[in-house]
Protein backbone atom coordinates (compact mmCIF):
# COMPACT_ATOMS: atom_id res chain seq x y z
CA MET A 1 3.87 -16.22 -62.02
CA LEU A 2 2.72 -13.06 -60.53
CA THR A 3 3.38 -14.74 -57.08
CA LEU A 4 6.96 -15.94 -58.13
CA LEU A 5 7.60 -12.14 -59.13
CA ILE A 6 6.19 -10.98 -55.55
CA GLY A 7 8.46 -13.82 -53.67
CA LEU A 8 11.64 -12.80 -56.14
CA SER A 9 11.18 -8.92 -55.51
CA GLY A 10 10.85 -9.40 -51.50
CA LEU A 11 13.93 -11.69 -51.54
CA THR A 12 15.77 -9.15 -53.37
CA LEU A 13 14.62 -6.45 -50.86
CA VAL A 14 15.89 -8.30 -48.03
CA ALA A 15 19.17 -9.76 -49.54
CA LEU A 16 20.49 -6.75 -51.82
CA PRO A 17 21.54 -4.57 -48.74
CA ARG A 18 23.76 -7.69 -47.66
CA LEU A 19 25.03 -8.12 -51.03
CA LEU A 20 25.97 -4.41 -51.32
CA THR A 21 27.36 -4.28 -47.85
CA PRO A 22 31.27 -4.55 -47.93
CA ALA A 23 32.64 -7.95 -45.66
CA ALA A 24 34.89 -5.39 -43.71
CA VAL A 25 31.51 -3.65 -42.41
CA GLU A 26 29.88 -7.00 -41.54
CA ASN A 27 33.05 -8.49 -39.70
CA PRO A 28 34.93 -5.59 -38.65
CA GLU A 29 38.64 -6.41 -37.08
CA VAL A 30 39.42 -4.66 -34.14
CA GLY A 31 41.91 -1.82 -34.55
CA LYS A 32 40.95 -1.53 -38.54
CA LEU A 33 39.25 1.17 -40.66
CA VAL A 34 35.94 0.63 -41.96
CA PRO A 35 34.52 2.20 -45.31
CA GLU A 36 31.38 3.42 -43.76
CA ASP A 37 29.42 4.22 -40.01
CA ILE A 38 28.18 0.85 -38.23
CA ARG A 39 25.06 0.90 -36.64
CA ALA A 40 24.13 -1.08 -33.70
CA PRO A 41 21.08 -3.18 -34.39
CA ARG A 42 19.32 -1.50 -31.38
CA ALA A 43 19.33 1.59 -29.30
CA LEU A 44 22.28 1.38 -26.34
CA ASP A 45 22.09 3.38 -23.31
CA VAL A 46 25.57 4.20 -22.07
CA VAL A 47 25.12 6.14 -18.66
CA ASP A 48 28.33 8.38 -17.92
CA GLU A 49 28.23 7.67 -14.10
CA GLU A 50 30.97 10.62 -13.47
CA SER A 51 28.70 13.14 -15.29
CA SER A 52 25.48 11.78 -13.93
CA GLY A 53 26.97 12.21 -10.21
CA TRP A 54 28.17 15.71 -10.98
CA THR A 55 24.80 16.73 -12.22
CA ARG A 56 22.79 14.94 -9.55
CA LYS A 57 24.94 16.95 -6.87
CA GLN A 58 24.48 20.11 -8.41
CA ALA A 59 20.70 19.51 -8.56
CA GLN A 60 20.89 18.50 -4.89
CA GLY A 61 22.83 21.54 -4.05
CA GLN A 62 20.05 23.81 -5.78
CA VAL A 63 17.18 22.26 -3.62
CA ARG A 64 16.63 24.63 -0.73
CA SER A 65 16.00 23.58 3.13
CA VAL A 66 12.39 23.62 4.20
CA TYR A 67 11.71 25.56 7.20
CA ASP A 68 8.19 25.46 9.22
CA HIS A 69 6.63 28.62 10.74
CA ASP A 70 4.09 28.11 12.83
CA VAL A 71 1.80 31.21 12.75
CA GLN A 72 -0.04 30.44 15.36
CA LEU A 73 2.45 29.93 18.22
CA GLY A 74 2.34 33.64 19.42
CA ALA A 75 -1.40 33.62 19.84
CA GLN A 76 -1.08 30.22 21.89
CA LEU A 77 2.11 31.76 23.90
CA GLU A 78 -0.40 34.83 24.68
CA ALA A 79 -3.21 32.59 26.00
CA ARG A 80 -0.65 30.87 28.21
CA VAL A 81 0.57 34.18 29.62
CA GLY A 82 -3.02 35.32 30.32
CA GLU A 83 -3.90 31.58 31.90
CA ALA A 84 -0.33 31.88 34.19
CA PHE A 85 -0.99 35.42 35.28
CA ALA A 86 -4.85 34.21 36.12
CA ARG A 87 -3.34 31.15 37.82
CA MET A 88 -0.60 33.40 39.82
CA ARG A 89 -3.49 35.85 41.17
CA GLU A 90 -5.56 33.02 42.18
CA ALA A 91 -2.36 31.27 43.86
CA ASP A 92 -2.56 31.36 47.71
CA THR A 93 1.30 31.04 48.45
CA ASP A 94 4.39 31.92 46.34
CA ALA A 95 5.03 28.03 46.54
CA ASP A 96 1.49 27.58 44.51
CA ALA A 97 2.41 30.64 42.24
CA ARG A 98 6.02 29.25 41.49
CA GLY A 99 4.18 25.96 40.55
CA GLU A 100 1.66 27.52 38.18
CA LEU A 101 4.23 29.46 36.22
CA ALA A 102 6.30 26.43 35.79
CA ARG A 103 3.55 24.36 34.77
CA VAL A 104 1.86 26.71 32.48
CA LEU A 105 5.23 28.57 30.87
CA ASP A 106 7.81 26.45 31.96
CA LEU A 107 9.17 29.44 33.94
CA THR A 108 11.53 29.21 36.99
CA LEU A 109 11.88 32.49 38.77
CA ASP A 110 14.09 33.04 41.77
CA ASN A 111 12.50 34.51 45.44
CA ASP A 112 12.87 38.07 44.29
CA GLU A 113 11.76 37.77 40.79
CA LEU A 114 8.70 35.97 42.15
CA THR A 115 7.98 38.48 44.58
CA ASP A 116 8.16 41.38 42.36
CA LEU A 117 6.12 39.69 39.87
CA ARG A 118 3.49 38.76 42.34
CA ALA A 119 3.38 42.23 43.64
CA GLN A 120 2.71 43.51 40.05
CA SER A 121 0.54 40.53 38.94
CA ASP A 122 -3.19 42.48 39.48
CA SER A 123 -1.57 45.05 37.08
CA GLU A 124 -3.16 44.79 33.87
CA ASP A 125 -0.25 46.76 32.65
CA LEU A 126 2.35 44.48 33.38
CA GLU A 127 0.30 41.39 31.65
CA LYS A 128 0.04 43.71 28.58
CA ARG A 129 3.47 44.44 28.22
CA VAL A 130 4.36 40.65 28.58
CA VAL A 131 2.08 40.04 25.73
CA ALA A 132 3.75 42.90 23.49
CA CYS A 133 7.03 41.72 24.35
CA LEU A 134 5.89 38.17 23.06
CA HIS A 135 4.66 40.00 19.86
CA VAL A 136 7.96 41.41 19.31
CA GLY A 137 9.90 38.29 19.78
CA MET A 138 7.33 36.55 17.44
CA SER A 139 7.07 38.89 14.74
CA GLY A 140 9.95 37.57 13.01
CA LEU A 141 11.44 34.12 12.15
CA VAL A 142 12.90 32.91 15.27
CA LEU A 143 15.47 29.43 15.31
CA PRO A 144 17.19 28.29 18.36
CA SER A 145 20.67 28.90 16.69
CA ARG A 146 21.73 30.43 13.29
CA ASP A 147 24.14 27.63 13.04
CA VAL A 148 21.19 25.26 11.60
CA LEU A 149 21.30 27.81 8.35
CA SER A 150 25.22 26.91 7.74
CA PRO A 151 24.48 24.42 4.85
CA ASP A 152 21.62 27.19 3.26
CA LEU A 153 24.12 29.98 3.38
CA GLY A 154 24.49 31.15 -0.70
CA HIS A 155 21.45 29.69 -1.80
CA GLY A 156 18.49 30.36 0.91
CA ILE A 157 15.58 28.44 2.52
CA VAL A 158 11.87 27.90 2.02
CA VAL A 159 9.81 29.04 4.97
CA ARG A 160 6.65 27.26 5.21
CA ASP A 161 3.61 28.80 7.50
CA ILE A 162 1.85 26.11 9.14
CA GLY A 163 -1.40 26.66 11.14
CA ARG A 164 -3.07 28.20 8.55
CA ASP A 165 -6.21 26.77 6.77
CA SER A 166 -4.43 27.34 3.12
CA PRO A 167 -0.59 26.51 3.52
CA HIS A 168 2.15 29.54 2.11
CA GLU A 169 5.38 28.91 1.12
CA GLU A 170 7.87 31.76 0.90
CA ASN A 171 11.40 31.66 -0.68
CA LEU A 172 13.82 33.37 1.43
CA ASP A 173 17.00 34.58 0.20
CA ASP A 174 18.09 36.88 2.98
CA LEU A 175 18.93 34.80 6.00
CA THR A 176 19.78 37.76 8.19
CA ARG A 177 15.92 38.11 8.42
CA VAL A 178 16.06 34.83 10.99
CA ALA A 179 17.05 35.58 14.31
CA ASP A 180 18.16 33.17 16.99
CA LEU A 181 16.62 32.66 20.40
CA ALA A 182 19.01 34.52 22.28
CA ALA A 183 18.86 37.75 19.97
CA ALA A 184 14.67 37.19 20.10
CA ARG A 185 15.26 37.03 24.03
CA SER A 186 17.13 40.11 24.04
CA GLN A 187 14.63 42.08 21.92
CA MET A 188 11.76 41.02 24.03
CA ALA A 189 13.76 42.16 27.42
CA ASN A 190 14.45 45.10 26.00
CA THR A 191 10.75 45.66 24.98
CA LEU A 192 9.62 44.65 28.59
CA ARG A 193 11.88 47.15 30.08
CA GLY A 194 10.30 49.90 27.96
């Protein structure tokens, strides 16, 4: 008897909600009102493509471009200048000196410039001035052209120092701190002229 009561109570628990649910809710007609909320038998994911696309585009616009800054480049250039001056001093002819400058520094000088440079090549002062000029040009951030920063105006960039034992990144909002190559060369030439 106990088993029968347990079975009937279980059946009642399962059947009672169905008995109390109006037929309109169980089989609703399209366009007709129903007396209560209808719940889906399982969760449904509905993706709003338009809003998702807009949100994705907004998020992409907030991502900053990353520029690498080689912190060892100045020291490498300084070493190359020292090597170029040493090789120019050792060169027997202007042609040899011109070849060494082209090979070591990728520098091409006309005959008058080469003659002037070779006449002063024994001067450590000139070499020091050239190195000081490099320090001025390499002291800031330099890009071949500031035009590459156009997409980054308004939200800044990330500058990642490479060539260190522990990498360092800096958010840079003030893009006026970035010079183009022409401005860096002009600044170096002014330093060299003294």
